[in-house]
Amino acid sequence: MAVFIQLLLGIVVLTLSFLIAFAGIQVFHILHEFRLTLKKLNRILDHTTSLSEAAARPVTAVNEFYTEVKDLVNVTQDQIVAATPDRVITPRTAHRSPRRFFRRSGASLRPS
């Protein structure tokens, strides 16, 4: 009976040792795959950064262009006003009544 228990104990110890070794190898494989995934993700993020910078340059250039046009219009408008001292120049919106977008049969809508 003692030999049977020792044999059974030896088989259990061998089986558990094999399972632990197998689990350890699998953990190393998982860590290796995780490392490869992180490398790929890092490359994707690098490409995304370079693409966003490349896309931002034209947008910035257009923004600077419109800013320069706006400044030029303001300077030209100031020069026109300065060149016509005998006339009063008022903005066009000052002569109009406020626009009403929602009308019912020509009459303004009243709040309910």
PDB file of N, CA and C in Angstrom:
ATOM      1  N   MET A   1       0.819  -1.179   0.000  1.00  0.00           N
ATOM      2  CA  MET A   1       0.000   0.000   0.000  1.00  0.00           C
ATOM      3  C   MET A   1       0.870   1.253   0.000  1.00  0.00           C
ATOM      4  N   ALA A   2       1.979   1.249   0.729  1.00  0.00           N
ATOM      5  CA  ALA A   2       2.856   2.411   0.796  1.00  0.00           C
ATOM      6  C   ALA A   2       3.491   2.683  -0.552  1.00  0.00           C
ATOM      7  N   VAL A   3       3.791   1.619  -1.313  1.00  0.00           N
ATOM      8  CA  VAL A   3       4.381   1.789  -2.631  1.00  0.00           C
ATOM      9  C   VAL A   3       3.371   2.439  -3.575  1.00  0.00           C
ATOM     10  N   PHE A   4       2.115   2.022  -3.470  1.00  0.00           N
ATOM     11  CA  PHE A   4       1.066   2.600  -4.309  1.00  0.00           C
ATOM     12  C   PHE A   4       0.903   4.091  -4.034  1.00  0.00           C
ATOM     13  N   ILE A   5       0.945   4.490  -2.765  1.00  0.00           N
ATOM     14  CA  ILE A   5       0.800   5.902  -2.395  1.00  0.00           C
ATOM     15  C   ILE A   5       1.998   6.692  -2.903  1.00  0.00           C
ATOM     16  N   GLN A   6       3.203   6.125  -2.792  1.00  0.00           N
ATOM     17  CA  GLN A   6       4.394   6.817  -3.285  1.00  0.00           C
ATOM     18  C   GLN A   6       4.353   6.965  -4.809  1.00  0.00           C
ATOM     19  N   LEU A   7       3.895   5.939  -5.504  1.00  0.00           N
ATOM     20  CA  LEU A   7       3.773   5.997  -6.957  1.00  0.00           C
ATOM     21  C   LEU A   7       2.736   7.046  -7.373  1.00  0.00           C
ATOM     22  N   LEU A   8       1.607   7.030  -6.691  1.00  0.00           N
ATOM     23  CA  LEU A   8       0.558   8.014  -6.980  1.00  0.00           C
ATOM     24  C   LEU A   8       1.046   9.425  -6.690  1.00  0.00           C
ATOM     25  N   LEU A   9       1.771   9.620  -5.596  1.00  0.00           N
ATOM     26  CA  LEU A   9       2.328  10.921  -5.250  1.00  0.00           C
ATOM     27  C   LEU A   9       3.344  11.370  -6.286  1.00  0.00           C
ATOM     28  N   GLY A  10       4.172  10.474  -6.777  1.00  0.00           N
ATOM     29  CA  GLY A  10       5.145  10.792  -7.816  1.00  0.00           C
ATOM     30  C   GLY A  10       4.463  11.219  -9.114  1.00  0.00           C
ATOM     31  N   ILE A  11       3.387  10.506  -9.482  1.00  0.00           N
ATOM     32  CA  ILE A  11       2.647  10.852 -10.697  1.00  0.00           C
ATOM     33  C   ILE A  11       2.002  12.235 -10.551  1.00  0.00           C
ATOM     34  N   VAL A  12       1.434  12.517  -9.406  1.00  0.00           N
ATOM     35  CA  VAL A  12       0.810  13.825  -9.160  1.00  0.00           C
ATOM     36  C   VAL A  12       1.854  14.922  -9.220  1.00  0.00           C
ATOM     37  N   VAL A  13       3.023  14.711  -8.600  1.00  0.00           N
ATOM     38  CA  VAL A  13       4.086  15.719  -8.614  1.00  0.00           C
ATOM     39  C   VAL A  13       4.581  15.950 -10.029  1.00  0.00           C
ATOM     40  N   LEU A  14       4.776  14.882 -10.811  1.00  0.00           N
ATOM     41  CA  LEU A  14       5.210  15.032 -12.207  1.00  0.00           C
ATOM     42  C   LEU A  14       4.163  15.776 -13.040  1.00  0.00           C
ATOM     43  N   THR A  15       2.914  15.429 -12.865  1.00  0.00           N
ATOM     44  CA  THR A  15       1.838  16.092 -13.620  1.00  0.00           C
ATOM     45  C   THR A  15       1.772  17.578 -13.282  1.00  0.00           C
ATOM     46  N   LEU A  16       1.831  17.897 -11.987  1.00  0.00           N
ATOM     47  CA  LEU A  16       1.777  19.309 -11.592  1.00  0.00           C
ATOM     48  C   LEU A  16       2.999  20.064 -12.090  1.00  0.00           C
ATOM     49  N   SER A  17       4.170  19.434 -12.056  1.00  0.00           N
ATOM     50  CA  SER A  17       5.378  20.088 -12.567  1.00  0.00           C
ATOM     51  C   SER A  17       5.248  20.362 -14.067  1.00  0.00           C
ATOM     52  N   PHE A  18       4.729  19.387 -14.806  1.00  0.00           N
ATOM     53  CA  PHE A  18       4.524  19.575 -16.237  1.00  0.00           C
ATOM     54  C   PHE A  18       3.531  20.717 -16.504  1.00  0.00           C
ATOM     55  N   LEU A  19       2.441  20.758 -15.769  1.00  0.00           N
ATOM     56  CA  LEU A  19       1.430  21.811 -15.969  1.00  0.00           C
ATOM     57  C   LEU A  19       1.985  23.191 -15.629  1.00  0.00           C
ATOM     58  N   ILE A  20       2.750  23.301 -14.570  1.00  0.00           N
ATOM     59  CA  ILE A  20       3.336  24.592 -14.189  1.00  0.00           C
ATOM     60  C   ILE A  20       4.346  25.054 -15.228  1.00  0.00           C
ATOM     61  N   ALA A  21       5.178  24.105 -15.731  1.00  0.00           N
ATOM     62  CA  ALA A  21       6.141  24.461 -16.777  1.00  0.00           C
ATOM     63  C   ALA A  21       5.407  24.919 -18.047  1.00  0.00           C
ATOM     64  N   PHE A  22       4.352  24.198 -18.426  1.00  0.00           N
ATOM     65  CA  PHE A  22       3.565  24.561 -19.607  1.00  0.00           C
ATOM     66  C   PHE A  22       2.922  25.947 -19.427  1.00  0.00           C
ATOM     67  N   ALA A  23       2.380  26.209 -18.256  1.00  0.00           N
ATOM     68  CA  ALA A  23       1.767  27.524 -17.993  1.00  0.00           C
ATOM     69  C   ALA A  23       2.824  28.626 -18.048  1.00  0.00           C
ATOM     70  N   GLY A  24       4.021  28.362 -17.538  1.00  0.00           N
ATOM     71  CA  GLY A  24       5.103  29.354 -17.599  1.00  0.00           C
ATOM     72  C   GLY A  24       5.496  29.673 -19.025  1.00  0.00           C
ATOM     73  N   ILE A  25       5.596  28.636 -19.864  1.00  0.00           N
ATOM     74  CA  ILE A  25       5.925  28.858 -21.279  1.00  0.00           C
ATOM     75  C   ILE A  25       4.837  29.681 -21.954  1.00  0.00           C
ATOM     76  N   GLN A  26       3.584  29.384 -21.651  1.00  0.00           N
ATOM     77  CA  GLN A  26       2.473  30.142 -22.238  1.00  0.00           C
ATOM     78  C   GLN A  26       2.504  31.602 -21.792  1.00  0.00           C
ATOM     79  N   VAL A  27       2.870  31.856 -20.557  1.00  0.00           N
ATOM     80  CA  VAL A  27       2.975  33.243 -20.075  1.00  0.00           C
ATOM     81  C   VAL A  27       4.044  33.989 -20.865  1.00  0.00           C
ATOM     82  N   PHE A  28       5.180  33.338 -21.129  1.00  0.00           N
ATOM     83  CA  PHE A  28       6.225  33.990 -21.922  1.00  0.00           C
ATOM     84  C   PHE A  28       5.758  34.267 -23.353  1.00  0.00           C
ATOM     85  N   HIS A  29       4.976  33.355 -23.935  1.00  0.00           N
ATOM     86  CA  HIS A  29       4.430  33.590 -25.274  1.00  0.00           C
ATOM     87  C   HIS A  29       3.455  34.772 -25.277  1.00  0.00           C
ATOM     88  N   ILE A  30       2.641  34.832 -24.262  1.00  0.00           N
ATOM     89  CA  ILE A  30       1.684  35.946 -24.152  1.00  0.00           C
ATOM     90  C   ILE A  30       2.421  37.267 -24.000  1.00  0.00           C
ATOM     91  N   LEU A  31       3.462  37.288 -23.170  1.00  0.00           N
ATOM     92  CA  LEU A  31       4.235  38.519 -22.991  1.00  0.00           C
ATOM     93  C   LEU A  31       4.944  38.927 -24.283  1.00  0.00           C
ATOM     94  N   HIS A  32       5.423  37.948 -25.050  1.00  0.00           N
ATOM     95  CA  HIS A  32       6.070  38.248 -26.332  1.00  0.00           C
ATOM     96  C   HIS A  32       5.051  38.859 -27.309  1.00  0.00           C
ATOM     97  N   GLU A  33       3.858  38.285 -27.398  1.00  0.00           N
ATOM     98  CA  GLU A  33       2.815  38.829 -28.270  1.00  0.00           C
ATOM     99  C   GLU A  33       2.407  40.233 -27.823  1.00  0.00           C
ATOM    100  N   PHE A  34       2.325  40.447 -26.533  1.00  0.00           N
ATOM    101  CA  PHE A  34       1.981  41.769 -26.006  1.00  0.00           C
ATOM    102  C   PHE A  34       3.039  42.794 -26.393  1.00  0.00           C
ATOM    103  N   ARG A  35       4.308  42.379 -26.341  1.00  0.00           N
ATOM    104  CA  ARG A  35       5.414  43.271 -26.735  1.00  0.00           C
ATOM    105  C   ARG A  35       5.312  43.632 -28.213  1.00  0.00           C
ATOM    106  N   LEU A  36       5.019  42.647 -29.069  1.00  0.00           N
ATOM    107  CA  LEU A  36       4.857  42.917 -30.504  1.00  0.00           C
ATOM    108  C   LEU A  36       3.675  43.851 -30.767  1.00  0.00           C
ATOM    109  N   THR A  37       2.600  43.650 -30.044  1.00  0.00           N
ATOM    110  CA  THR A  37       1.422  44.507 -30.195  1.00  0.00           C
ATOM    111  C   THR A  37       1.740  45.938 -29.794  1.00  0.00           C
ATOM    112  N   LEU A  38       2.478  46.108 -28.714  1.00  0.00           N
ATOM    113  CA  LEU A  38       2.862  47.461 -28.293  1.00  0.00           C
ATOM    114  C   LEU A  38       3.764  48.136 -29.318  1.00  0.00           C
ATOM    115  N   LYS A  39       4.666  47.375 -29.953  1.00  0.00           N
ATOM    116  CA  LYS A  39       5.516  47.947 -31.000  1.00  0.00           C
ATOM    117  C   LYS A  39       4.679  48.422 -32.181  1.00  0.00           C
ATOM    118  N   LYS A  40       3.703  47.593 -32.603  1.00  0.00           N
ATOM    119  CA  LYS A  40       2.828  47.985 -33.713  1.00  0.00           C
ATOM    120  C   LYS A  40       2.009  49.216 -33.358  1.00  0.00           C
ATOM    121  N   LEU A  41       1.484  49.250 -32.150  1.00  0.00           N
ATOM    122  CA  LEU A  41       0.708  50.404 -31.712  1.00  0.00           C
ATOM    123  C   LEU A  41       1.561  51.663 -31.682  1.00  0.00           C
ATOM    124  N   ASN A  42       2.803  51.535 -31.265  1.00  0.00           N
ATOM    125  CA  ASN A  42       3.714  52.677 -31.236  1.00  0.00           C
ATOM    126  C   ASN A  42       3.972  53.190 -32.650  1.00  0.00           C
ATOM    127  N   ARG A  43       4.160  52.271 -33.611  1.00  0.00           N
ATOM    128  CA  ARG A  43       4.358  52.696 -35.007  1.00  0.00           C
ATOM    129  C   ARG A  43       3.119  53.393 -35.560  1.00  0.00           C
ATOM    130  N   ILE A  44       1.944  52.875 -35.229  1.00  0.00           N
ATOM    131  CA  ILE A  44       0.698  53.497 -35.692  1.00  0.00           C
ATOM    132  C   ILE A  44       0.562  54.896 -35.122  1.00  0.00           C
ATOM    133  N   LEU A  45       0.872  55.062 -33.847  1.00  0.00           N
ATOM    134  CA  LEU A  45       0.775  56.379 -33.220  1.00  0.00           C
ATOM    135  C   LEU A  45       1.791  57.349 -33.817  1.00  0.00           C
ATOM    136  N   ASP A  46       2.984  56.870 -34.157  1.00  0.00           N
ATOM    137  CA  ASP A  46       3.973  57.727 -34.806  1.00  0.00           C
ATOM    138  C   ASP A  46       3.473  58.200 -36.162  1.00  0.00           C
ATOM    139  N   HIS A  47       2.879  57.279 -36.938  1.00  0.00           N
ATOM    140  CA  HIS A  47       2.344  57.662 -38.242  1.00  0.00           C
ATOM    141  C   HIS A  47       1.170  58.630 -38.095  1.00  0.00           C
ATOM    142  N   THR A  48       0.346  58.423 -37.090  1.00  0.00           N
ATOM    143  CA  THR A  48      -0.783  59.318 -36.862  1.00  0.00           C
ATOM    144  C   THR A  48      -0.296  60.718 -36.526  1.00  0.00           C
ATOM    145  N   THR A  49       0.746  60.812 -35.729  1.00  0.00           N
ATOM    146  CA  THR A  49       1.302  62.118 -35.376  1.00  0.00           C
ATOM    147  C   THR A  49       1.842  62.826 -36.609  1.00  0.00           C
ATOM    148  N   SER A  50       2.582  62.110 -37.438  1.00  0.00           N
ATOM    149  CA  SER A  50       3.130  62.751 -38.633  1.00  0.00           C
ATOM    150  C   SER A  50       2.033  63.140 -39.607  1.00  0.00           C
ATOM    151  N   LEU A  51       0.987  62.311 -39.733  1.00  0.00           N
ATOM    152  CA  LEU A  51      -0.128  62.658 -40.622  1.00  0.00           C
ATOM    153  C   LEU A  51      -0.892  63.870 -40.121  1.00  0.00           C
ATOM    154  N   SER A  52      -1.117  63.954 -38.818  1.00  0.00           N
ATOM    155  CA  SER A  52      -1.850  65.103 -38.286  1.00  0.00           C
ATOM    156  C   SER A  52      -1.038  66.384 -38.435  1.00  0.00           C
ATOM    157  N   GLU A  53       0.276  66.286 -38.277  1.00  0.00           N
ATOM    158  CA  GLU A  53       1.112  67.467 -38.483  1.00  0.00           C
ATOM    159  C   GLU A  53       1.097  67.886 -39.949  1.00  0.00           C
ATOM    160  N   ALA A  54       1.126  66.913 -40.862  1.00  0.00           N
ATOM    161  CA  ALA A  54       1.086  67.223 -42.292  1.00  0.00           C
ATOM    162  C   ALA A  54      -0.254  67.834 -42.679  1.00  0.00           C
ATOM    163  N   ALA A  55      -1.331  67.397 -42.056  1.00  0.00           N
ATOM    164  CA  ALA A  55      -2.652  67.949 -42.361  1.00  0.00           C
ATOM    165  C   ALA A  55      -2.837  69.317 -41.730  1.00  0.00           C
ATOM    166  N   ALA A  56      -2.164  69.588 -40.624  1.00  0.00           N
ATOM    167  CA  ALA A  56      -2.334  70.871 -39.933  1.00  0.00           C
ATOM    168  C   ALA A  56      -1.627  71.999 -40.664  1.00  0.00           C
ATOM    169  N   ARG A  57      -0.562  71.699 -41.401  1.00  0.00           N
ATOM    170  CA  ARG A  57       0.175  72.761 -42.102  1.00  0.00           C
ATOM    171  C   ARG A  57      -0.679  73.498 -43.121  1.00  0.00           C
ATOM    172  N   PRO A  58      -1.406  72.836 -44.026  1.00  0.00           N
ATOM    173  CA  PRO A  58      -2.243  73.580 -44.970  1.00  0.00           C
ATOM    174  C   PRO A  58      -3.368  74.356 -44.286  1.00  0.00           C
ATOM    175  N   VAL A  59      -3.943  73.779 -43.244  1.00  0.00           N
ATOM    176  CA  VAL A  59      -5.012  74.474 -42.531  1.00  0.00           C
ATOM    177  C   VAL A  59      -4.471  75.747 -41.891  1.00  0.00           C
ATOM    178  N   THR A  60      -3.295  75.667 -41.328  1.00  0.00           N
ATOM    179  CA  THR A  60      -2.666  76.847 -40.735  1.00  0.00           C
ATOM    180  C   THR A  60      -2.369  77.892 -41.799  1.00  0.00           C
ATOM    181  N   ALA A  61      -1.914  77.438 -42.967  1.00  0.00           N
ATOM    182  CA  ALA A  61      -1.617  78.377 -44.052  1.00  0.00           C
ATOM    183  C   ALA A  61      -2.882  79.085 -44.520  1.00  0.00           C
ATOM    184  N   VAL A  62      -3.981  78.361 -44.652  1.00  0.00           N
ATOM    185  CA  VAL A  62      -5.251  78.975 -45.065  1.00  0.00           C
ATOM    186  C   VAL A  62      -5.719  79.958 -44.001  1.00  0.00           C
ATOM    187  N   ASN A  63      -5.580  79.593 -42.747  1.00  0.00           N
ATOM    188  CA  ASN A  63      -5.974  80.486 -41.657  1.00  0.00           C
ATOM    189  C   ASN A  63      -5.148  81.771 -41.690  1.00  0.00           C
ATOM    190  N   GLU A  64      -3.848  81.634 -41.907  1.00  0.00           N
ATOM    191  CA  GLU A  64      -2.998  82.826 -41.982  1.00  0.00           C
ATOM    192  C   GLU A  64      -3.376  83.687 -43.186  1.00  0.00           C
ATOM    193  N   PHE A  65      -3.720  83.045 -44.321  1.00  0.00           N
ATOM    194  CA  PHE A  65      -4.124  83.793 -45.511  1.00  0.00           C
ATOM    195  C   PHE A  65      -5.373  84.622 -45.221  1.00  0.00           C
ATOM    196  N   TYR A  66      -6.396  84.005 -44.633  1.00  0.00           N
ATOM    197  CA  TYR A  66      -7.622  84.737 -44.347  1.00  0.00           C
ATOM    198  C   TYR A  66      -7.414  85.813 -43.286  1.00  0.00           C
ATOM    199  N   THR A  67      -6.515  85.588 -42.367  1.00  0.00           N
ATOM    200  CA  THR A  67      -6.202  86.617 -41.375  1.00  0.00           C
ATOM    201  C   THR A  67      -5.566  87.821 -42.064  1.00  0.00           C
ATOM    202  N   GLU A  68      -4.651  87.559 -42.997  1.00  0.00           N
ATOM    203  CA  GLU A  68      -4.019  88.653 -43.741  1.00  0.00           C
ATOM    204  C   GLU A  68      -5.045  89.391 -44.594  1.00  0.00           C
ATOM    205  N   VAL A  69      -5.958  88.661 -45.236  1.00  0.00           N
ATOM    206  CA  VAL A  69      -7.001  89.306 -46.042  1.00  0.00           C
ATOM    207  C   VAL A  69      -7.890  90.168 -45.156  1.00  0.00           C
ATOM    208  N   LYS A  70      -8.255  89.676 -43.997  1.00  0.00           N
ATOM    209  CA  LYS A  70      -9.091  90.436 -43.067  1.00  0.00           C
ATOM    210  C   LYS A  70      -8.375  91.715 -42.630  1.00  0.00           C
ATOM    211  N   ASP A  71      -7.098  91.593 -42.291  1.00  0.00           N
ATOM    212  CA  ASP A  71      -6.323  92.778 -41.901  1.00  0.00           C
ATOM    213  C   ASP A  71      -6.235  93.780 -43.048  1.00  0.00           C
ATOM    214  N   LEU A  72      -6.047  93.279 -44.271  1.00  0.00           N
ATOM    215  CA  LEU A  72      -5.977  94.156 -45.435  1.00  0.00           C
ATOM    216  C   LEU A  72      -7.304  94.867 -45.668  1.00  0.00           C
ATOM    217  N   VAL A  73      -8.413  94.150 -45.507  1.00  0.00           N
ATOM    218  CA  VAL A  73      -9.738  94.768 -45.670  1.00  0.00           C
ATOM    219  C   VAL A  73      -9.945  95.828 -44.604  1.00  0.00           C
ATOM    220  N   ASN A  74      -9.563  95.555 -43.385  1.00  0.00           N
ATOM    221  CA  ASN A  74      -9.732  96.544 -42.314  1.00  0.00           C
ATOM    222  C   ASN A  74      -8.897  97.791 -42.582  1.00  0.00           C
ATOM    223  N   VAL A  75      -7.655  97.600 -43.015  1.00  0.00           N
ATOM    224  CA  VAL A  75      -6.793  98.751 -43.317  1.00  0.00           C
ATOM    225  C   VAL A  75      -7.366  99.545 -44.483  1.00  0.00           C
ATOM    226  N   THR A  76      -7.831  98.855 -45.531  1.00  0.00           N
ATOM    227  CA  THR A  76      -8.412  99.536 -46.693  1.00  0.00           C
ATOM    228  C   THR A  76      -9.680 100.279 -46.298  1.00  0.00           C
ATOM    229  N   GLN A  77     -10.494  99.675 -45.469  1.00  0.00           N
ATOM    230  CA  GLN A  77     -11.712 100.335 -45.016  1.00  0.00           C
ATOM    231  C   GLN A  77     -11.365 101.585 -44.210  1.00  0.00           C
ATOM    232  N   ASP A  78     -10.362 101.502 -43.359  1.00  0.00           N
ATOM    233  CA  ASP A  78      -9.942 102.685 -42.596  1.00  0.00           C
ATOM    234  C   ASP A  78      -9.409 103.766 -43.519  1.00  0.00           C
ATOM    235  N   GLN A  79      -8.700 103.388 -44.573  1.00  0.00           N
ATOM    236  CA  GLN A  79      -8.200 104.378 -45.527  1.00  0.00           C
ATOM    237  C   GLN A  79      -9.350 105.032 -46.290  1.00  0.00           C
ATOM    238  N   ILE A  80     -10.367 104.278 -46.655  1.00  0.00           N
ATOM    239  CA  ILE A  80     -11.528 104.845 -47.354  1.00  0.00           C
ATOM    240  C   ILE A  80     -12.261 105.814 -46.448  1.00  0.00           C
ATOM    241  N   VAL A  81     -12.444 105.440 -45.194  1.00  0.00           N
ATOM    242  CA  VAL A  81     -13.129 106.335 -44.254  1.00  0.00           C
ATOM    243  C   VAL A  81     -12.301 107.597 -44.048  1.00  0.00           C
ATOM    244  N   ALA A  82     -10.995 107.465 -43.953  1.00  0.00           N
ATOM    245  CA  ALA A  82     -10.142 108.635 -43.759  1.00  0.00           C
ATOM    246  C   ALA A  82     -10.125 109.523 -45.000  1.00  0.00           C
ATOM    247  N   ALA A  83     -10.292 108.949 -46.176  1.00  0.00           N
ATOM    248  CA  ALA A  83     -10.254 109.720 -47.415  1.00  0.00           C
ATOM    249  C   ALA A  83     -11.567 110.447 -47.685  1.00  0.00           C
ATOM    250  N   THR A  84     -12.641 110.123 -47.012  1.00  0.00           N
ATOM    251  CA  THR A  84     -13.945 110.769 -47.232  1.00  0.00           C
ATOM    252  C   THR A  84     -14.425 111.422 -45.945  1.00  0.00           C
ATOM    253  N   PRO A  85     -13.838 112.567 -45.577  1.00  0.00           N
ATOM    254  CA  PRO A  85     -14.223 113.199 -44.314  1.00  0.00           C
ATOM    255  C   PRO A  85     -15.575 113.919 -44.389  1.00  0.00           C
ATOM    256  N   ASP A  86     -16.061 114.264 -45.586  1.00  0.00           N
ATOM    257  CA  ASP A  86     -17.307 115.018 -45.688  1.00  0.00           C
ATOM    258  C   ASP A  86     -18.536 114.119 -45.670  1.00  0.00           C
ATOM    259  N   ARG A  87     -18.371 112.818 -45.746  1.00  0.00           N
ATOM    260  CA  ARG A  87     -19.503 111.900 -45.752  1.00  0.00           C
ATOM    261  C   ARG A  87     -19.512 111.065 -44.470  1.00  0.00           C
ATOM    262  N   VAL A  88     -20.697 110.696 -44.077  1.00  0.00           N
ATOM    263  CA  VAL A  88     -20.841 109.818 -42.923  1.00  0.00           C
ATOM    264  C   VAL A  88     -21.095 108.414 -43.453  1.00  0.00           C
ATOM    265  N   ILE A  89     -20.227 107.512 -43.105  1.00  0.00           N
ATOM    266  CA  ILE A  89     -20.374 106.130 -43.555  1.00  0.00           C
ATOM    267  C   ILE A  89     -20.873 105.318 -42.371  1.00  0.00           C
ATOM    268  N   THR A  90     -22.026 104.708 -42.574  1.00  0.00           N
ATOM    269  CA  THR A  90     -22.606 103.879 -41.517  1.00  0.00           C
ATOM    270  C   THR A  90     -22.650 102.440 -42.012  1.00  0.00           C
ATOM    271  N   PRO A  91     -22.602 101.535 -41.114  1.00  0.00           N
ATOM    272  CA  PRO A  91     -22.702 100.130 -41.527  1.00  0.00           C
ATOM    273  C   PRO A  91     -24.054  99.853 -42.167  1.00  0.00           C
ATOM    274  N   ARG A  92     -24.106  98.915 -43.084  1.00  0.00           N
ATOM    275  CA  ARG A  92     -25.332  98.612 -43.799  1.00  0.00           C
ATOM    276  C   ARG A  92     -26.411  98.049 -42.894  1.00  0.00           C
ATOM    277  N   THR A  93     -26.017  97.367 -41.840  1.00  0.00           N
ATOM    278  CA  THR A  93     -27.021  96.749 -40.969  1.00  0.00           C
ATOM    279  C   THR A  93     -27.748  97.778 -40.113  1.00  0.00           C
ATOM    280  N   ALA A  94     -27.226  98.992 -40.004  1.00  0.00           N
ATOM    281  CA  ALA A  94     -27.876  99.996 -39.168  1.00  0.00           C
ATOM    282  C   ALA A  94     -29.145 100.522 -39.829  1.00  0.00           C
ATOM    283  N   HIS A  95     -29.281 100.420 -41.152  1.00  0.00           N
ATOM    284  CA  HIS A  95     -30.441 100.943 -41.853  1.00  0.00           C
ATOM    285  C   HIS A  95     -31.586  99.943 -41.907  1.00  0.00           C
ATOM    286  N   ARG A  96     -31.337  98.701 -41.653  1.00  0.00           N
ATOM    287  CA  ARG A  96     -32.361  97.674 -41.765  1.00  0.00           C
ATOM    288  C   ARG A  96     -33.016  97.391 -40.422  1.00  0.00           C
ATOM    289  N   SER A  97     -34.248  96.943 -40.515  1.00  0.00           N
ATOM    290  CA  SER A  97     -34.879  96.436 -39.298  1.00  0.00           C
ATOM    291  C   SER A  97     -34.396  95.006 -39.105  1.00  0.00           C
ATOM    292  N   PRO A  98     -34.464  94.500 -37.914  1.00  0.00           N
ATOM    293  CA  PRO A  98     -33.977  93.134 -37.692  1.00  0.00           C
ATOM    294  C   PRO A  98     -34.772  92.126 -38.518  1.00  0.00           C
ATOM    295  N   ARG A  99     -34.089  91.140 -39.052  1.00  0.00           N
ATOM    296  CA  ARG A  99     -34.749  90.134 -39.879  1.00  0.00           C
ATOM    297  C   ARG A  99     -35.497  89.151 -39.001  1.00  0.00           C
ATOM    298  N   ARG A 100     -36.638  88.812 -39.451  1.00  0.00           N
ATOM    299  CA  ARG A 100     -37.424  87.791 -38.768  1.00  0.00           C
ATOM    300  C   ARG A 100     -37.533  86.598 -39.711  1.00  0.00           C
ATOM    301  N   PHE A 101     -37.058  85.482 -39.244  1.00  0.00           N
ATOM    302  CA  PHE A 101     -37.041  84.308 -40.102  1.00  0.00           C
ATOM    303  C   PHE A 101     -38.352  83.536 -40.052  1.00  0.00           C
ATOM    304  N   PHE A 102     -39.033  83.593 -38.928  1.00  0.00           N
ATOM    305  CA  PHE A 102     -40.262  82.836 -38.777  1.00  0.00           C
ATOM    306  C   PHE A 102     -41.432  83.801 -38.818  1.00  0.00           C
ATOM    307  N   ARG A 103     -42.247  83.637 -39.848  1.00  0.00           N
ATOM    308  CA  ARG A 103     -43.422  84.492 -40.007  1.00  0.00           C
ATOM    309  C   ARG A 103     -44.623  83.608 -40.292  1.00  0.00           C
ATOM    310  N   ARG A 104     -45.802  84.101 -39.881  1.00  0.00           N
ATOM    311  CA  ARG A 104     -47.046  83.420 -40.182  1.00  0.00           C
ATOM    312  C   ARG A 104     -47.930  84.420 -40.920  1.00  0.00           C
ATOM    313  N   SER A 105     -48.136  84.181 -42.177  1.00  0.00           N
ATOM    314  CA  SER A 105     -48.982  85.029 -43.014  1.00  0.00           C
ATOM    315  C   SER A 105     -48.506  86.484 -42.956  1.00  0.00           C
ATOM    316  N   GLY A 106     -47.260  86.695 -42.952  1.00  0.00           N
ATOM    317  CA  GLY A 106     -46.721  88.049 -42.949  1.00  0.00           C
ATOM    318  C   GLY A 106     -46.623  88.657 -41.564  1.00  0.00           C
ATOM    319  N   ALA A 107     -47.292  88.096 -40.577  1.00  0.00           N
ATOM    320  CA  ALA A 107     -47.231  88.639 -39.217  1.00  0.00           C
ATOM    321  C   ALA A 107     -46.192  87.852 -38.424  1.00  0.00           C
ATOM    322  N   SER A 108     -45.492  88.556 -37.570  1.00  0.00           N
ATOM    323  CA  SER A 108     -44.475  87.890 -36.758  1.00  0.00           C
ATOM    324  C   SER A 108     -45.130  86.918 -35.793  1.00  0.00           C
ATOM    325  N   LEU A 109     -44.441  85.855 -35.495  1.00  0.00           N
ATOM    326  CA  LEU A 109     -44.955  84.885 -34.524  1.00  0.00           C
ATOM    327  C   LEU A 109     -44.846  85.466 -33.121  1.00  0.00           C
ATOM    328  N   ARG A 110     -45.847  85.217 -32.325  1.00  0.00           N
ATOM    329  CA  ARG A 110     -45.812  85.685 -30.946  1.00  0.00           C
ATOM    330  C   ARG A 110     -45.459  84.531 -30.025  1.00  0.00           C
ATOM    331  N   PRO A 111     -44.719  84.825 -28.980  1.00  0.00           N
ATOM    332  CA  PRO A 111     -44.415  83.711 -28.050  1.00  0.00           C
ATOM    333  C   PRO A 111     -45.683  83.216 -27.374  1.00  0.00           C
ATOM    334  N   SER A 112     -45.747  81.926 -27.171  1.00  0.00           N
ATOM    335  CA  SER A 112     -46.961  81.362 -26.555  1.00  0.00           C
ATOM    336  C   SER A 112     -46.785  81.189 -25.076  1.00  0.00           C
TER     337      SER A 112
END
